[in-house]
Amino acid sequence: MSILRIKNSKLEGKVYVNHSKSYLHRYIFASSFAGENTIIKGFDLSEDIKDTMLSLISFADFDLLDSGDVLVKPRENKKSPDRIRIEASGTTLRFMLFNILDGKLHEIYMGDKLYERPNDPVFKIFNDNGVKFHRNDAKKTISIKGDLVKDEYIITEDISSQFVSSLLFKLARMDFDSRIVLDCDLSSRSYVDMSIKCLEDFGIEVDASENEFKIKGGQEFKSKGEYTIERDYSNAANFYVANYLGSDIEIMDMKAGSIQGDRRVIDILARYDQTQNLIIDMKDSPDIVPILAMAALFRKRKTTFTSIKRLIYKESNRVQAIINELKKIGAKISFTDEALIVNPLEDIVMYTNKFDAYNDHRIAMMLSVLATKLDQDIFLSGYECVKKSYPKFFEDYQSLGGEVNVIDNWK
């Protein structure tokens, strides 16, 4: 087994983080559904993006250009694949569950952890539309046959925004008018707004209000030829927190007016110097809970993060991973009533210098930034998981003066 040794280092310099994975998923789907070729600029090939591209190869061809951009060439005879494998990307899976539907039989194979993630809202919609499906626990597959026939979808429970986004993309491809009604307080609404922006960029009209989306039937995805993806605030959050902890990083080319929900990291960190307890609702920004929870250890007062139960179903049980790893330095941290409570760290007490990423990219990056505050080296197992969303994370970390080295054959 390989393990990563991370030395205590202040990070300094300029960094250009990767481009938004969430936007990339959406623009790759839209480009594949269009009739014209599309060049996507600001392209980064993470493991999750590979999942999306491989899932769509019966819709389009993808050429990686010397410029680093990707050329999407839609096929004339688009069709849903009979069988696909999605290794770990929840976004890819949720988008494909609806957009693979065409009345024929399809089978989706999944990685073990992805198969465990909840998809009950999709299955409910399948049942309502007469779509037949079967889960095979032994093979980690879902078999699906049928198509959507209803023109109205009322969402009555708080679900992942990915389900609503996927449904928007699917209904935009149908030949009848439809609408989605939110009879609940939807988590991560900003990701739905990102989906609507992408759809509009491809000529799809969505009449969106706070609680309702109306989609005209018979619309076609039309590419403008070229789109540029903005940089990723979810991953930039790690470097914003590093600055809060004492580093001096210039985080370059971030879109100031971005609608990415994780842009909130800037405003949240600005509140950390307040000498009062904080209660922060993370319903719209769950991905930055790990890095913010770690940073909250170094506040002077208690911080409570609410609306985070969904983190249990991420790449790891992310709540438990945060608690387990931060307790290794003496953190007083607990989870109760869907809230993560982080008390100020009185003293850093290193019970061990061995840390685990739980095969979760957010945990791996959190622990790497934590290392900048410790007075001894740490040893991180499972560090390779950053490939899921930010393959160049450790390369960028080193460019800022971070010292890391791989130890092979660790026992």
Protein backbone atom coordinates (compact mmCIF):
# COMPACT_ATOMS: atom_id res chain seq x y z
CA MET A 1 0.00 0.00 0.00
CA SER A 2 1.19 3.53 -0.80
CA ILE A 3 0.77 6.36 1.67
CA LEU A 4 1.42 10.08 1.33
CA ARG A 5 3.70 11.90 3.73
CA ILE A 6 2.65 15.54 4.10
CA LYS A 7 4.98 17.97 5.86
CA ASN A 8 3.90 21.06 7.75
CA SER A 9 4.25 23.88 5.21
CA LYS A 10 2.78 27.33 4.80
CA LEU A 11 1.35 27.61 1.29
CA GLU A 12 2.26 30.67 -0.79
CA GLY A 13 1.87 31.77 -4.39
CA LYS A 14 -0.69 31.70 -7.17
CA VAL A 15 -3.01 28.82 -7.99
CA TYR A 16 -5.47 28.16 -10.79
CA VAL A 17 -7.86 25.50 -9.54
CA ASN A 18 -9.59 23.10 -11.90
CA HIS A 19 -12.74 24.08 -13.76
CA SER A 20 -16.19 23.38 -12.33
CA LYS A 21 -16.93 19.67 -12.44
CA SER A 22 -20.64 20.37 -11.92
CA TYR A 23 -20.80 22.64 -14.96
CA LEU A 24 -18.70 20.23 -17.02
CA HIS A 25 -21.13 17.36 -16.41
CA ARG A 26 -24.02 19.50 -17.59
CA TYR A 27 -22.32 20.96 -20.67
CA ILE A 28 -21.09 17.54 -21.78
CA PHE A 29 -24.65 16.18 -21.56
CA ALA A 30 -26.10 19.17 -23.41
CA SER A 31 -23.39 19.02 -26.10
CA SER A 32 -24.10 15.32 -26.63
CA PHE A 33 -27.83 15.99 -27.10
CA ALA A 34 -27.23 18.84 -29.60
CA GLY A 35 -27.10 18.52 -33.36
CA GLU A 36 -23.92 20.53 -33.82
CA ASN A 37 -20.31 20.10 -32.72
CA THR A 38 -19.26 21.88 -29.55
CA ILE A 39 -15.88 22.90 -28.18
CA ILE A 40 -15.81 23.00 -24.37
CA LYS A 41 -13.01 25.21 -23.09
CA GLY A 42 -11.89 24.99 -19.48
CA PHE A 43 -11.91 21.21 -19.52
CA ASP A 44 -10.38 19.01 -16.80
CA LEU A 45 -10.51 15.22 -17.05
CA SER A 46 -11.34 13.92 -13.57
CA GLU A 47 -12.61 10.41 -12.81
CA ASP A 48 -16.17 11.72 -12.52
CA ILE A 49 -15.98 13.43 -15.92
CA LYS A 50 -14.65 10.19 -17.43
CA ASP A 51 -17.79 8.48 -16.10
CA THR A 52 -20.00 10.99 -17.90
CA MET A 53 -18.11 10.83 -21.19
CA LEU A 54 -18.09 7.01 -21.23
CA SER A 55 -21.82 6.96 -20.45
CA LEU A 56 -22.53 9.16 -23.47
CA ILE A 57 -20.36 7.51 -26.13
CA SER A 58 -23.44 6.26 -27.99
CA PHE A 59 -24.65 9.87 -28.18
CA ALA A 60 -21.39 11.59 -29.17
CA ASP A 61 -17.67 11.24 -29.87
CA PHE A 62 -15.19 13.15 -27.73
CA ASP A 63 -11.84 14.44 -29.01
CA LEU A 64 -9.31 15.83 -26.56
CA LEU A 65 -7.60 18.68 -28.41
CA ASP A 66 -3.95 19.78 -28.13
CA SER A 67 -5.23 23.01 -26.56
CA GLY A 68 -6.61 21.02 -23.62
CA ASP A 69 -10.18 21.65 -24.74
CA VAL A 70 -12.62 18.90 -25.74
CA LEU A 71 -14.52 18.65 -29.01
CA VAL A 72 -17.93 17.01 -28.67
CA LYS A 73 -19.21 15.56 -31.95
CA PRO A 74 -22.82 14.35 -31.60
CA ARG A 75 -23.73 11.23 -33.54
CA GLU A 76 -26.40 11.49 -36.23
CA ASN A 77 -28.22 8.46 -34.86
CA LYS A 78 -28.13 9.05 -31.13
CA LYS A 79 -29.28 6.18 -28.98
CA SER A 80 -29.13 5.18 -25.36
CA PRO A 81 -26.54 2.49 -24.60
CA ASP A 82 -27.76 -1.04 -23.92
CA ARG A 83 -25.23 -1.40 -21.10
CA ILE A 84 -23.01 1.12 -19.37
CA ARG A 85 -20.79 1.19 -16.31
CA ILE A 86 -20.64 4.19 -14.00
CA GLU A 87 -17.87 3.75 -11.50
CA ALA A 88 -18.36 6.44 -8.86
CA SER A 89 -20.03 9.62 -10.14
CA GLY A 90 -23.38 10.29 -8.49
CA THR A 91 -24.12 13.11 -10.93
CA THR A 92 -23.54 10.85 -13.94
CA LEU A 93 -25.78 8.16 -12.50
CA ARG A 94 -28.65 10.49 -11.62
CA PHE A 95 -28.52 12.18 -15.05
CA MET A 96 -28.41 8.84 -16.88
CA LEU A 97 -31.24 7.24 -14.89
CA PHE A 98 -33.74 9.55 -16.60
CA ASN A 99 -31.91 10.35 -19.82
CA ILE A 100 -31.26 6.73 -20.77
CA LEU A 101 -35.02 6.11 -20.99
CA ASP A 102 -36.37 5.41 -24.49
CA GLY A 103 -38.75 2.49 -24.00
CA LYS A 104 -36.08 -0.16 -24.51
CA LEU A 105 -34.22 -2.28 -21.95
CA HIS A 106 -31.02 -0.81 -20.51
CA GLU A 107 -28.65 -1.97 -17.78
CA ILE A 108 -26.42 0.25 -15.65
CA TYR A 109 -23.47 -1.33 -13.83
CA MET A 110 -22.01 0.56 -10.86
CA GLY A 111 -19.10 0.63 -8.48
CA ASP A 112 -19.94 -0.77 -5.04
CA LYS A 113 -20.17 2.56 -3.20
CA LEU A 114 -22.17 4.24 -5.96
CA TYR A 115 -24.70 1.40 -5.96
CA GLU A 116 -25.37 2.06 -2.25
CA ARG A 117 -26.30 5.72 -2.75
CA PRO A 118 -30.05 6.35 -2.45
CA ASN A 119 -32.12 6.83 -5.62
CA ASP A 120 -35.62 6.30 -4.24
CA PRO A 121 -37.01 9.57 -5.75
CA VAL A 122 -36.13 8.30 -9.23
CA PHE A 123 -37.70 4.90 -8.56
CA LYS A 124 -40.89 6.58 -7.36
CA ILE A 125 -41.09 8.51 -10.62
CA PHE A 126 -40.41 5.28 -12.52
CA ASN A 127 -43.35 3.61 -10.74
CA ASP A 128 -45.63 6.57 -11.44
CA ASN A 129 -44.77 6.37 -15.16
CA GLY A 130 -44.96 2.59 -15.51
CA VAL A 131 -41.20 2.30 -16.04
CA LYS A 132 -40.05 -1.19 -15.08
CA PHE A 133 -36.80 -1.48 -13.15
CA HIS A 134 -34.90 -4.11 -11.21
CA ARG A 135 -31.98 -3.79 -8.80
CA ASN A 136 -29.52 -6.69 -8.75
CA ASP A 137 -27.55 -6.45 -5.50
CA ALA A 138 -25.14 -9.21 -6.48
CA LYS A 139 -24.18 -7.65 -9.81
CA LYS A 140 -24.58 -4.02 -8.60
CA THR A 141 -26.83 -3.20 -11.55
CA ILE A 142 -30.12 -1.49 -12.30
CA SER A 143 -32.13 -2.74 -15.29
CA ILE A 144 -34.62 -0.23 -16.72
CA LYS A 145 -37.30 -0.43 -19.41
CA GLY A 146 -39.85 2.24 -20.31
CA ASP A 147 -40.09 5.99 -20.67
CA LEU A 148 -41.67 9.01 -19.01
CA VAL A 149 -45.28 9.68 -20.03
CA LYS A 150 -46.56 12.13 -17.43
CA ASP A 151 -46.47 15.88 -17.94
CA GLU A 152 -46.45 16.92 -14.27
CA TYR A 153 -44.02 16.02 -11.47
CA ILE A 154 -44.73 17.18 -7.94
CA ILE A 155 -41.73 16.87 -5.63
CA THR A 156 -43.02 16.53 -2.07
CA GLU A 157 -39.82 15.68 -0.19
CA ASP A 158 -36.41 17.27 0.11
CA ILE A 159 -34.28 15.40 -2.42
CA SER A 160 -30.92 15.86 -4.09
CA SER A 161 -30.93 18.64 -6.66
CA GLN A 162 -29.37 16.15 -9.10
CA PHE A 163 -32.75 14.43 -9.50
CA VAL A 164 -34.46 17.69 -10.47
CA SER A 165 -31.62 18.67 -12.83
CA SER A 166 -31.73 15.28 -14.52
CA LEU A 167 -35.50 15.51 -14.90
CA LEU A 168 -35.17 18.97 -16.49
CA PHE A 169 -32.75 17.64 -19.10
CA LYS A 170 -35.03 14.69 -19.84
CA LEU A 171 -38.27 16.69 -20.09
CA ALA A 172 -36.57 19.19 -22.40
CA ARG A 173 -36.12 16.31 -24.85
CA MET A 174 -39.77 15.18 -24.76
CA ASP A 175 -42.36 16.14 -27.39
CA PHE A 176 -44.98 17.38 -24.89
CA ASP A 177 -45.14 20.32 -22.48
CA SER A 178 -44.42 19.50 -18.85
CA ARG A 179 -43.78 21.02 -15.48
CA ILE A 180 -42.05 20.27 -12.20
CA VAL A 181 -43.55 21.60 -8.97
CA LEU A 182 -41.51 21.81 -5.76
CA ASP A 183 -43.79 21.21 -2.79
CA CYS A 184 -40.76 21.17 -0.50
CA ASP A 185 -37.62 23.12 0.37
CA LEU A 186 -35.09 21.76 -2.12
CA SER A 187 -31.47 21.27 -1.04
CA SER A 188 -28.62 22.57 -3.21
CA ARG A 189 -30.93 24.74 -5.31
CA SER A 190 -27.93 26.48 -6.88
CA TYR A 191 -27.13 23.30 -8.81
CA VAL A 192 -30.60 23.41 -10.40
CA ASP A 193 -29.93 27.03 -11.35
CA MET A 194 -26.67 25.88 -12.97
CA SER A 195 -28.64 23.30 -14.96
CA ILE A 196 -31.12 25.92 -16.15
CA LYS A 197 -28.26 28.20 -17.23
CA CYS A 198 -26.75 25.34 -19.24
CA LEU A 199 -30.10 24.50 -20.84
CA GLU A 200 -30.64 28.13 -21.79
CA ASP A 201 -27.14 28.26 -23.31
CA PHE A 202 -28.27 25.43 -25.59
CA GLY A 203 -31.50 27.16 -26.58
CA ILE A 204 -33.82 25.29 -24.20
CA GLU A 205 -36.54 27.46 -22.67
CA VAL A 206 -37.39 26.81 -19.03
CA ASP A 207 -39.93 29.06 -17.33
CA ALA A 208 -38.49 28.92 -13.82
CA SER A 209 -39.91 30.38 -10.62
CA GLU A 210 -39.07 29.62 -7.01
CA ASN A 211 -41.23 26.50 -6.83
CA GLU A 212 -42.11 25.64 -10.42
CA PHE A 213 -40.40 24.84 -13.71
CA LYS A 214 -42.34 24.79 -16.99
CA ILE A 215 -40.69 23.11 -19.97
CA LYS A 216 -42.01 23.36 -23.52
CA GLY A 217 -42.15 20.18 -25.55
CA GLY A 218 -40.54 19.70 -28.94
CA GLN A 219 -37.44 21.75 -28.16
CA GLU A 220 -34.02 20.93 -29.60
CA PHE A 221 -30.59 21.37 -28.06
CA LYS A 222 -28.70 23.86 -30.26
CA SER A 223 -25.02 24.49 -29.67
CA LYS A 224 -23.47 27.94 -30.03
CA GLY A 225 -20.25 26.18 -30.98
CA GLU A 226 -18.07 27.02 -28.00
CA TYR A 227 -18.49 27.33 -24.24
CA THR A 228 -16.00 28.18 -21.49
CA ILE A 229 -16.38 26.55 -18.09
CA GLU A 230 -15.64 28.67 -15.02
CA ARG A 231 -13.35 27.48 -12.24
CA ASP A 232 -14.56 25.34 -9.35
CA TYR A 233 -15.44 27.00 -6.04
CA SER A 234 -15.87 23.62 -4.32
CA ASN A 235 -12.18 22.85 -4.76
CA ALA A 236 -11.03 26.46 -4.42
CA ALA A 237 -12.60 26.33 -0.94
CA ASN A 238 -9.57 24.33 0.23
CA PHE A 239 -7.23 27.19 -0.60
CA TYR A 240 -9.54 29.87 0.82
CA VAL A 241 -9.46 27.92 4.10
CA ALA A 242 -5.68 27.52 3.86
CA ASN A 243 -5.48 31.33 3.76
CA TYR A 244 -7.73 31.56 6.82
CA LEU A 245 -5.30 29.25 8.60
CA GLY A 246 -2.28 31.39 7.74
CA SER A 247 -1.21 30.64 4.19
CA ASP A 248 -0.85 33.33 1.54
CA ILE A 249 -2.39 32.06 -1.70
CA GLU A 250 -3.70 34.12 -4.60
CA ILE A 251 -6.59 32.09 -6.02
CA MET A 252 -6.73 33.11 -9.67
CA ASP A 253 -9.49 33.50 -12.27
CA MET A 254 -12.46 32.85 -9.98
CA LYS A 255 -15.72 34.25 -11.35
CA ALA A 256 -16.93 36.88 -8.88
CA GLY A 257 -20.59 36.67 -9.87
CA SER A 258 -20.74 32.88 -10.04
CA ILE A 259 -23.98 31.13 -9.11
CA GLN A 260 -22.03 28.13 -7.80
CA GLY A 261 -23.38 27.49 -4.30
CA ASP A 262 -19.93 26.82 -2.86
CA ARG A 263 -18.89 30.41 -3.51
CA ARG A 264 -20.40 30.89 -0.03
CA VAL A 265 -17.06 29.75 1.41
CA ILE A 266 -15.82 33.33 1.11
CA ASP A 267 -18.74 34.81 3.06
CA ILE A 268 -18.72 32.03 5.66
CA LEU A 269 -15.01 32.44 6.39
CA ALA A 270 -15.56 36.20 6.76
CA ARG A 271 -17.88 35.35 9.69
CA TYR A 272 -15.34 33.11 11.40
CA ASP A 273 -13.64 35.99 13.18
CA GLN A 274 -16.86 36.88 15.02
CA THR A 275 -16.56 36.24 18.75
CA GLN A 276 -19.90 34.49 19.03
CA ASN A 277 -21.33 31.06 18.37
CA LEU A 278 -22.31 30.50 14.76
CA ILE A 279 -25.08 28.39 13.27
CA ILE A 280 -24.57 27.86 9.53
CA ASP A 281 -27.14 26.18 7.30
CA MET A 282 -25.26 24.08 4.72
CA LYS A 283 -28.28 22.85 2.78
CA ASP A 284 -27.11 24.58 -0.42
CA SER A 285 -23.37 23.93 0.00
CA PRO A 286 -22.83 20.43 1.41
CA ASP A 287 -19.54 19.76 -0.39
CA ILE A 288 -17.62 22.38 1.59
CA VAL A 289 -18.70 21.14 5.01
CA PRO A 290 -15.50 19.08 5.59
CA ILE A 291 -13.06 21.91 4.92
CA LEU A 292 -15.18 24.45 6.82
CA ALA A 293 -15.62 22.10 9.79
CA MET A 294 -11.86 21.68 10.03
CA ALA A 295 -11.33 25.45 9.84
CA ALA A 296 -13.97 25.96 12.55
CA LEU A 297 -11.67 24.21 15.03
CA PHE A 298 -9.52 27.32 14.97
CA ARG A 299 -12.34 29.77 15.77
CA LYS A 300 -12.77 31.14 19.27
CA ARG A 301 -16.40 30.03 19.62
CA LYS A 302 -18.60 27.06 18.77
CA THR A 303 -19.77 26.47 15.18
CA THR A 304 -22.83 24.40 14.30
CA PHE A 305 -23.41 23.21 10.73
CA THR A 306 -27.04 22.29 10.06
CA SER A 307 -28.83 20.47 7.21
CA ILE A 308 -25.98 18.05 6.60
CA LYS A 309 -27.61 14.63 6.94
CA ARG A 310 -27.18 14.04 3.20
CA LEU A 311 -23.40 13.85 3.75
CA ILE A 312 -23.87 10.38 5.21
CA TYR A 313 -24.49 9.10 1.67
CA LYS A 314 -21.52 10.62 -0.14
CA GLU A 315 -18.35 8.80 -1.24
CA SER A 316 -17.95 7.95 2.42
CA ASN A 317 -20.12 8.53 5.45
CA ARG A 318 -18.62 11.99 5.28
CA VAL A 319 -19.95 13.11 8.66
CA GLN A 320 -18.34 10.19 10.46
CA ALA A 321 -15.13 10.60 8.48
CA ILE A 322 -14.86 14.25 9.55
CA ILE A 323 -15.43 13.34 13.19
CA ASN A 324 -13.04 10.38 13.20
CA GLU A 325 -10.14 12.21 11.59
CA LEU A 326 -10.43 15.52 13.45
CA LYS A 327 -10.63 13.75 16.80
CA LYS A 328 -7.10 12.52 16.07
CA ILE A 329 -5.86 16.03 16.87
CA GLY A 330 -8.04 16.48 19.95
CA ALA A 331 -11.16 17.97 18.34
CA LYS A 332 -14.36 18.10 20.36
CA ILE A 333 -16.83 17.48 17.58
CA SER A 334 -20.17 15.66 17.44
CA PHE A 335 -23.18 14.97 15.21
CA THR A 336 -26.71 15.20 16.55
CA ASP A 337 -30.12 16.10 15.13
CA GLU A 338 -28.71 16.47 11.60
CA ALA A 339 -26.15 19.03 12.80
CA LEU A 340 -22.37 18.89 13.14
CA ILE A 341 -21.15 20.72 16.25
CA VAL A 342 -17.54 21.89 16.24
CA ASN A 343 -16.04 23.33 19.42
CA PRO A 344 -12.89 25.48 19.43
CA LEU A 345 -9.69 23.46 19.58
CA GLU A 346 -8.00 24.37 22.85
CA ASP A 347 -4.74 22.60 22.03
CA ILE A 348 -3.57 20.40 19.21
CA VAL A 349 -3.00 16.97 20.70
CA MET A 350 -1.67 14.50 18.16
CA TYR A 351 -3.01 11.12 19.21
CA THR A 352 -1.63 9.73 15.96
CA ASN A 353 -0.04 11.06 12.79
CA LYS A 354 -1.77 8.48 10.59
CA PHE A 355 -4.88 9.72 8.77
CA ASP A 356 -7.36 8.09 6.39
CA ALA A 357 -9.13 9.70 3.43
CA TYR A 358 -11.90 7.05 3.40
CA ASN A 359 -11.62 7.05 -0.41
CA ASP A 360 -13.32 10.47 -0.29
CA HIS A 361 -11.74 13.34 -2.19
CA ARG A 362 -13.22 16.00 0.11
CA ILE A 363 -11.71 14.31 3.17
CA ALA A 364 -8.31 13.92 1.49
CA MET A 365 -8.15 17.63 0.64
CA MET A 366 -9.38 18.64 4.09
CA LEU A 367 -6.58 16.69 5.78
CA SER A 368 -3.96 18.08 3.41
CA VAL A 369 -4.93 21.63 4.34
CA LEU A 370 -5.03 20.66 8.02
CA ALA A 371 -1.38 19.66 7.71
CA THR A 372 -0.48 23.34 7.26
CA LYS A 373 -1.48 23.93 10.91
CA LEU A 374 0.28 20.97 12.51
CA ASP A 375 3.82 20.89 13.87
CA GLN A 376 4.67 17.42 12.61
CA ASP A 377 4.33 15.40 9.43
CA ILE A 378 1.19 13.41 8.79
CA PHE A 379 0.76 10.18 6.81
CA LEU A 380 -2.35 10.00 4.63
CA SER A 381 -3.73 6.76 3.19
CA GLY A 382 -6.18 6.79 0.29
CA TYR A 383 -4.85 10.10 -1.01
CA GLU A 384 -5.28 8.96 -4.65
CA CYS A 385 -9.05 9.60 -4.40
CA VAL A 386 -8.53 13.28 -5.29
CA LYS A 387 -8.58 12.03 -8.91
CA LYS A 388 -12.36 11.91 -8.58
CA SER A 389 -12.72 15.69 -8.78
CA TYR A 390 -9.29 17.40 -8.75
CA PRO A 391 -6.54 15.19 -10.19
CA LYS A 392 -3.93 17.97 -10.01
CA PHE A 393 -4.64 18.85 -6.38
CA PHE A 394 -1.33 17.63 -5.00
CA GLU A 395 0.54 19.08 -7.98
CA ASP A 396 -1.00 22.47 -7.19
CA TYR A 397 -0.37 21.92 -3.47
CA GLN A 398 3.34 21.37 -4.18
CA SER A 399 3.53 24.38 -6.50
CA LEU A 400 2.49 26.48 -3.48
CA GLY A 401 5.33 25.12 -1.37
CA GLY A 402 3.57 22.13 0.12
CA GLU A 403 5.90 19.21 0.69
CA VAL A 404 4.56 15.73 -0.03
CA ASN A 405 6.14 12.44 -0.97
CA VAL A 406 4.77 8.98 -1.65
CA ILE A 407 5.93 6.10 0.53
CA ASP A 408 5.52 2.77 -1.25
CA ASN A 409 5.01 -0.59 0.43
CA TRP A 410 3.76 0.99 3.64
CA LYS A 411 3.03 -1.53 6.36
